[in-house]
Amino acid sequence: MSVQPWGESRPTDRYGRNAAGWQAAPTPQSVMRASHADRDRTVDVLKAGFAEGRLSVEEYGQRHEAAARAVTYGELAALVADLPSGPMAAPLQAAQPVPATFLVPPPVPQARPTSVLAVVSLVCGLTGFLALPVVPAVITGHLARQQIRERNMDGDWAAVLGLVLGYLGGAFWLLVIMLGIAS
């Protein structure tokens, strides 16, 4: 049995460690001399243990005095071996989202070039009811859609609208010609 400086006696094994396992095992570092900063860190752990209700007033006072007198890491380790040295691990929780401040900004989307053939198809389709450029509207519309797919370009809406207007214009002019022949 060993009597600790704070007055509790606990059974020890043949190496002088507490049989309950609370005392730190001897290591090569345990004989190294401790600094003032090491003693301050040990006192901080003792303060946290006292604030959390793990130590009584008397035990805290005795351990505090022993920390001030401690010369080696081993002596300091023995004072806090039965106390947690940091916050208790919280139960596993879902990952918290990263605040927007720390997120990498999304890349700025690159402006895709608009297909010139799509614009030509749209213009020809719009003027198809006034004259007969409906055939170029249909041809350039199909070429523009193929070009847009191959080159990842913008303007598909213009090519489709040019195609629709070109086919409608073609149907209109075909109807006008048929009505002219029938009359």
C-alpha atoms as a PDB file:
ATOM      1  CA  MET A   1       0.000   0.000   0.000  1.00  0.00           C
ATOM      2  CA  SER A   2       1.216   3.426  -0.838  1.00  0.00           C
ATOM      3  CA  VAL A   3       0.038   6.647   0.703  1.00  0.00           C
ATOM      4  CA  GLN A   4      -0.457   9.432  -1.814  1.00  0.00           C
ATOM      5  CA  PRO A   5       0.387  13.027  -0.867  1.00  0.00           C
ATOM      6  CA  TRP A   6      -3.323  13.845  -0.829  1.00  0.00           C
ATOM      7  CA  GLY A   7      -3.994  11.265   1.881  1.00  0.00           C
ATOM      8  CA  GLU A   8      -5.590   8.324   0.095  1.00  0.00           C
ATOM      9  CA  SER A   9      -4.047   4.931   0.278  1.00  0.00           C
ATOM     10  CA  ARG A  10      -4.385   2.622  -2.657  1.00  0.00           C
ATOM     11  CA  PRO A  11      -2.949  -0.833  -3.308  1.00  0.00           C
ATOM     12  CA  THR A  12       0.027  -0.871  -5.679  1.00  0.00           C
ATOM     13  CA  ASP A  13       1.574  -3.550  -7.838  1.00  0.00           C
ATOM     14  CA  ARG A  14       5.244  -4.584  -7.849  1.00  0.00           C
ATOM     15  CA  TYR A  15       6.159  -1.583 -10.060  1.00  0.00           C
ATOM     16  CA  GLY A  16       4.661   0.957  -7.646  1.00  0.00           C
ATOM     17  CA  ARG A  17       1.662   1.661  -9.839  1.00  0.00           C
ATOM     18  CA  ASN A  18      -1.837   1.789  -8.484  1.00  0.00           C
ATOM     19  CA  ALA A  19      -3.510  -1.604  -8.884  1.00  0.00           C
ATOM     20  CA  ALA A  20      -6.662   0.099 -10.146  1.00  0.00           C
ATOM     21  CA  GLY A  21      -4.583   1.485 -13.028  1.00  0.00           C
ATOM     22  CA  TRP A  22      -4.917   5.182 -12.259  1.00  0.00           C
ATOM     23  CA  GLN A  23      -1.210   5.949 -11.864  1.00  0.00           C
ATOM     24  CA  ALA A  24       0.905   6.511 -14.943  1.00  0.00           C
ATOM     25  CA  ALA A  25       3.302   3.736 -15.888  1.00  0.00           C
ATOM     26  CA  PRO A  26       6.990   4.572 -15.557  1.00  0.00           C
ATOM     27  CA  THR A  27       8.488   5.664 -18.867  1.00  0.00           C
ATOM     28  CA  PRO A  28      11.870   7.122 -19.832  1.00  0.00           C
ATOM     29  CA  GLN A  29      10.197  10.542 -19.875  1.00  0.00           C
ATOM     30  CA  SER A  30       8.849  10.140 -16.328  1.00  0.00           C
ATOM     31  CA  VAL A  31      12.315  10.819 -14.865  1.00  0.00           C
ATOM     32  CA  MET A  32      12.861  13.944 -16.964  1.00  0.00           C
ATOM     33  CA  ARG A  33      12.729  17.235 -15.111  1.00  0.00           C
ATOM     34  CA  ALA A  34       9.500  19.225 -15.451  1.00  0.00           C
ATOM     35  CA  SER A  35       9.335  22.921 -16.276  1.00  0.00           C
ATOM     36  CA  HIS A  36       7.119  25.660 -14.883  1.00  0.00           C
ATOM     37  CA  ALA A  37       4.935  25.366 -17.988  1.00  0.00           C
ATOM     38  CA  ASP A  38       4.499  21.618 -17.330  1.00  0.00           C
ATOM     39  CA  ARG A  39       3.450  22.319 -13.759  1.00  0.00           C
ATOM     40  CA  ASP A  40       1.031  25.006 -14.984  1.00  0.00           C
ATOM     41  CA  ARG A  41      -0.561  22.546 -17.432  1.00  0.00           C
ATOM     42  CA  THR A  42      -0.946  20.011 -14.639  1.00  0.00           C
ATOM     43  CA  VAL A  43      -2.579  22.639 -12.404  1.00  0.00           C
ATOM     44  CA  ASP A  44      -4.966  23.478 -15.263  1.00  0.00           C
ATOM     45  CA  VAL A  45      -6.047  19.820 -15.409  1.00  0.00           C
ATOM     46  CA  LEU A  46      -6.494  19.842 -11.632  1.00  0.00           C
ATOM     47  CA  LYS A  47      -8.581  23.034 -11.827  1.00  0.00           C
ATOM     48  CA  ALA A  48     -10.805  21.470 -14.470  1.00  0.00           C
ATOM     49  CA  GLY A  49     -11.202  18.335 -12.338  1.00  0.00           C
ATOM     50  CA  PHE A  50     -12.139  20.456  -9.324  1.00  0.00           C
ATOM     51  CA  ALA A  51     -14.561  22.611 -11.360  1.00  0.00           C
ATOM     52  CA  GLU A  52     -16.248  19.483 -12.740  1.00  0.00           C
ATOM     53  CA  GLY A  53     -16.643  18.014  -9.233  1.00  0.00           C
ATOM     54  CA  ARG A  54     -14.081  15.238  -9.684  1.00  0.00           C
ATOM     55  CA  LEU A  55     -11.902  16.505  -6.793  1.00  0.00           C
ATOM     56  CA  SER A  56     -12.836  17.694  -3.319  1.00  0.00           C
ATOM     57  CA  VAL A  57     -11.466  20.958  -1.942  1.00  0.00           C
ATOM     58  CA  GLU A  58      -8.929  19.146   0.232  1.00  0.00           C
ATOM     59  CA  GLU A  59      -7.779  16.818  -2.514  1.00  0.00           C
ATOM     60  CA  TYR A  60      -7.444  19.733  -4.959  1.00  0.00           C
ATOM     61  CA  GLY A  61      -5.364  21.689  -2.424  1.00  0.00           C
ATOM     62  CA  GLN A  62      -3.074  18.732  -1.733  1.00  0.00           C
ATOM     63  CA  ARG A  63      -2.571  17.962  -5.418  1.00  0.00           C
ATOM     64  CA  HIS A  64      -1.992  21.642  -6.195  1.00  0.00           C
ATOM     65  CA  GLU A  65       0.755  21.823  -3.585  1.00  0.00           C
ATOM     66  CA  ALA A  66       2.237  18.546  -4.854  1.00  0.00           C
ATOM     67  CA  ALA A  67       2.265  19.953  -8.407  1.00  0.00           C
ATOM     68  CA  ALA A  68       4.190  23.005  -7.190  1.00  0.00           C
ATOM     69  CA  ARG A  69       6.772  20.729  -5.546  1.00  0.00           C
ATOM     70  CA  ALA A  70       6.980  18.225  -8.445  1.00  0.00           C
ATOM     71  CA  VAL A  71      10.364  17.910 -10.088  1.00  0.00           C
ATOM     72  CA  THR A  72       9.776  15.259 -12.795  1.00  0.00           C
ATOM     73  CA  TYR A  73       7.173  14.414 -15.400  1.00  0.00           C
ATOM     74  CA  GLY A  74       6.433  11.195 -13.524  1.00  0.00           C
ATOM     75  CA  GLU A  75       5.419  13.114 -10.390  1.00  0.00           C
ATOM     76  CA  LEU A  76       3.146  15.382 -12.424  1.00  0.00           C
ATOM     77  CA  ALA A  77       1.634  12.439 -14.307  1.00  0.00           C
ATOM     78  CA  ALA A  78       0.787  10.714 -11.020  1.00  0.00           C
ATOM     79  CA  LEU A  79      -1.184  13.777  -9.897  1.00  0.00           C
ATOM     80  CA  VAL A  80      -3.519  13.748 -12.894  1.00  0.00           C
ATOM     81  CA  ALA A  81      -3.473  10.070 -13.902  1.00  0.00           C
ATOM     82  CA  ASP A  82      -7.036   9.502 -12.638  1.00  0.00           C
ATOM     83  CA  LEU A  83      -8.419  12.681 -14.257  1.00  0.00           C
ATOM     84  CA  PRO A  84      -9.378  13.260 -17.878  1.00  0.00           C
ATOM     85  CA  SER A  85      -6.902  15.635 -19.492  1.00  0.00           C
ATOM     86  CA  GLY A  86      -9.388  17.228 -21.839  1.00  0.00           C
ATOM     87  CA  PRO A  87     -13.064  17.416 -22.601  1.00  0.00           C
ATOM     88  CA  MET A  88     -14.913  14.142 -22.581  1.00  0.00           C
ATOM     89  CA  ALA A  89     -15.595  12.703 -25.994  1.00  0.00           C
ATOM     90  CA  ALA A  90     -19.085  13.581 -27.136  1.00  0.00           C
ATOM     91  CA  PRO A  91     -21.278  10.883 -28.630  1.00  0.00           C
ATOM     92  CA  LEU A  92     -20.976  10.581 -32.373  1.00  0.00           C
ATOM     93  CA  GLN A  93     -23.103  13.146 -34.122  1.00  0.00           C
ATOM     94  CA  ALA A  94     -23.853  13.925 -37.685  1.00  0.00           C
ATOM     95  CA  ALA A  95     -21.204  16.075 -39.295  1.00  0.00           C
ATOM     96  CA  GLN A  96     -21.915  19.743 -38.889  1.00  0.00           C
ATOM     97  CA  PRO A  97     -22.093  21.718 -42.115  1.00  0.00           C
ATOM     98  CA  VAL A  98     -19.112  23.890 -42.887  1.00  0.00           C
ATOM     99  CA  PRO A  99     -19.894  27.594 -42.490  1.00  0.00           C
ATOM    100  CA  ALA A 100     -20.122  29.357 -45.821  1.00  0.00           C
ATOM    101  CA  THR A 101     -17.185  31.529 -44.788  1.00  0.00           C
ATOM    102  CA  PHE A 102     -14.800  28.590 -45.057  1.00  0.00           C
ATOM    103  CA  LEU A 103     -16.189  27.001 -48.209  1.00  0.00           C
ATOM    104  CA  VAL A 104     -14.331  27.362 -51.441  1.00  0.00           C
ATOM    105  CA  PRO A 105     -16.331  29.642 -53.722  1.00  0.00           C
ATOM    106  CA  PRO A 106     -17.915  27.787 -56.616  1.00  0.00           C
ATOM    107  CA  PRO A 107     -16.126  28.257 -59.905  1.00  0.00           C
ATOM    108  CA  VAL A 108     -17.446  31.020 -62.103  1.00  0.00           C
ATOM    109  CA  PRO A 109     -19.234  29.382 -65.010  1.00  0.00           C
ATOM    110  CA  GLN A 110     -17.464  30.019 -68.270  1.00  0.00           C
ATOM    111  CA  ALA A 111     -19.567  31.790 -70.881  1.00  0.00           C
ATOM    112  CA  ARG A 112     -20.100  29.436 -73.785  1.00  0.00           C
ATOM    113  CA  PRO A 113     -19.938  30.948 -77.259  1.00  0.00           C
ATOM    114  CA  THR A 114     -23.202  31.156 -79.169  1.00  0.00           C
ATOM    115  CA  SER A 115     -23.359  29.351 -82.462  1.00  0.00           C
ATOM    116  CA  VAL A 116     -23.444  31.789 -85.386  1.00  0.00           C
ATOM    117  CA  LEU A 117     -25.338  29.223 -87.466  1.00  0.00           C
ATOM    118  CA  ALA A 118     -28.096  29.179 -84.836  1.00  0.00           C
ATOM    119  CA  VAL A 119     -28.480  32.957 -85.134  1.00  0.00           C
ATOM    120  CA  VAL A 120     -28.521  32.729 -88.937  1.00  0.00           C
ATOM    121  CA  SER A 121     -31.194  30.021 -88.729  1.00  0.00           C
ATOM    122  CA  LEU A 122     -33.314  32.195 -86.444  1.00  0.00           C
ATOM    123  CA  VAL A 123     -33.009  35.260 -88.696  1.00  0.00           C
ATOM    124  CA  CYS A 124     -33.832  33.221 -91.807  1.00  0.00           C
ATOM    125  CA  GLY A 125     -36.810  31.633 -90.027  1.00  0.00           C
ATOM    126  CA  LEU A 126     -38.144  35.042 -88.932  1.00  0.00           C
ATOM    127  CA  THR A 127     -37.880  36.460 -92.428  1.00  0.00           C
ATOM    128  CA  GLY A 128     -39.192  33.267 -94.025  1.00  0.00           C
ATOM    129  CA  PHE A 129     -42.761  34.556 -94.073  1.00  0.00           C
ATOM    130  CA  LEU A 130     -41.677  37.663 -96.010  1.00  0.00           C
ATOM    131  CA  ALA A 131     -39.531  35.996 -98.631  1.00  0.00           C
ATOM    132  CA  LEU A 132     -38.280  32.485 -99.342  1.00  0.00           C
ATOM    133  CA  PRO A 133     -35.222  31.999 -97.049  1.00  0.00           C
ATOM    134  CA  VAL A 134     -36.954  29.054 -95.375  1.00  0.00           C
ATOM    135  CA  VAL A 135     -34.614  26.481 -96.898  1.00  0.00           C
ATOM    136  CA  PRO A 136     -31.494  28.178 -95.483  1.00  0.00           C
ATOM    137  CA  ALA A 137     -33.283  28.419 -92.082  1.00  0.00           C
ATOM    138  CA  VAL A 138     -33.830  24.654 -92.009  1.00  0.00           C
ATOM    139  CA  ILE A 139     -30.345  23.791 -93.276  1.00  0.00           C
ATOM    140  CA  THR A 140     -28.495  26.168 -90.929  1.00  0.00           C
ATOM    141  CA  GLY A 141     -30.750  25.101 -88.026  1.00  0.00           C
ATOM    142  CA  HIS A 142     -29.746  21.434 -88.412  1.00  0.00           C
ATOM    143  CA  LEU A 143     -26.070  22.338 -88.894  1.00  0.00           C
ATOM    144  CA  ALA A 144     -26.171  24.632 -85.838  1.00  0.00           C
ATOM    145  CA  ARG A 145     -27.656  21.910 -83.590  1.00  0.00           C
ATOM    146  CA  GLN A 146     -24.939  19.490 -84.672  1.00  0.00           C
ATOM    147  CA  GLN A 147     -22.243  22.123 -84.056  1.00  0.00           C
ATOM    148  CA  ILE A 148     -23.702  22.954 -80.624  1.00  0.00           C
ATOM    149  CA  ARG A 149     -23.616  19.289 -79.555  1.00  0.00           C
ATOM    150  CA  GLU A 150     -20.067  18.733 -80.800  1.00  0.00           C
ATOM    151  CA  ARG A 151     -18.494  21.927 -79.451  1.00  0.00           C
ATOM    152  CA  ASN A 152     -20.574  22.486 -76.266  1.00  0.00           C
ATOM    153  CA  MET A 153     -21.827  25.825 -77.512  1.00  0.00           C
ATOM    154  CA  ASP A 154     -24.819  27.928 -76.570  1.00  0.00           C
ATOM    155  CA  GLY A 155     -27.731  28.910 -78.830  1.00  0.00           C
ATOM    156  CA  ASP A 156     -29.708  25.682 -79.103  1.00  0.00           C
ATOM    157  CA  TRP A 157     -32.905  27.621 -78.481  1.00  0.00           C
ATOM    158  CA  ALA A 158     -32.163  29.875 -81.492  1.00  0.00           C
ATOM    159  CA  ALA A 159     -31.458  26.881 -83.732  1.00  0.00           C
ATOM    160  CA  VAL A 160     -34.678  25.118 -82.668  1.00  0.00           C
ATOM    161  CA  LEU A 161     -36.733  28.291 -83.115  1.00  0.00           C
ATOM    162  CA  GLY A 162     -35.128  28.839 -86.529  1.00  0.00           C
ATOM    163  CA  LEU A 163     -36.016  25.245 -87.501  1.00  0.00           C
ATOM    164  CA  VAL A 164     -39.623  25.601 -86.337  1.00  0.00           C
ATOM    165  CA  LEU A 165     -40.054  28.935 -88.137  1.00  0.00           C
ATOM    166  CA  GLY A 166     -38.296  27.538 -91.227  1.00  0.00           C
ATOM    167  CA  TYR A 167     -40.615  24.508 -91.399  1.00  0.00           C
ATOM    168  CA  LEU A 168     -43.667  26.700 -90.700  1.00  0.00           C
ATOM    169  CA  GLY A 169     -42.499  29.197 -93.345  1.00  0.00           C
ATOM    170  CA  GLY A 170     -41.947  26.348 -95.797  1.00  0.00           C
ATOM    171  CA  ALA A 171     -45.440  25.025 -95.096  1.00  0.00           C
ATOM    172  CA  PHE A 172     -46.862  28.543 -95.510  1.00  0.00           C
ATOM    173  CA  TRP A 173     -45.158  29.098 -98.859  1.00  0.00           C
ATOM    174  CA  LEU A 174     -46.100  25.594-100.050  1.00  0.00           C
ATOM    175  CA  LEU A 175     -49.724  26.369 -99.200  1.00  0.00           C
ATOM    176  CA  VAL A 176     -49.531  29.730-100.988  1.00  0.00           C
ATOM    177  CA  ILE A 177     -48.071  28.044-104.113  1.00  0.00           C
ATOM    178  CA  MET A 178     -50.692  25.268-104.067  1.00  0.00           C
ATOM    179  CA  LEU A 179     -53.522  27.779-103.649  1.00  0.00           C
ATOM    180  CA  GLY A 180     -52.046  29.824-106.536  1.00  0.00           C
ATOM    181  CA  ILE A 181     -51.966  26.752-108.794  1.00  0.00           C
ATOM    182  CA  ALA A 182     -55.474  25.672-107.773  1.00  0.00           C
ATOM    183  CA  SER A 183     -56.998  29.011-108.604  1.00  0.00           C
END
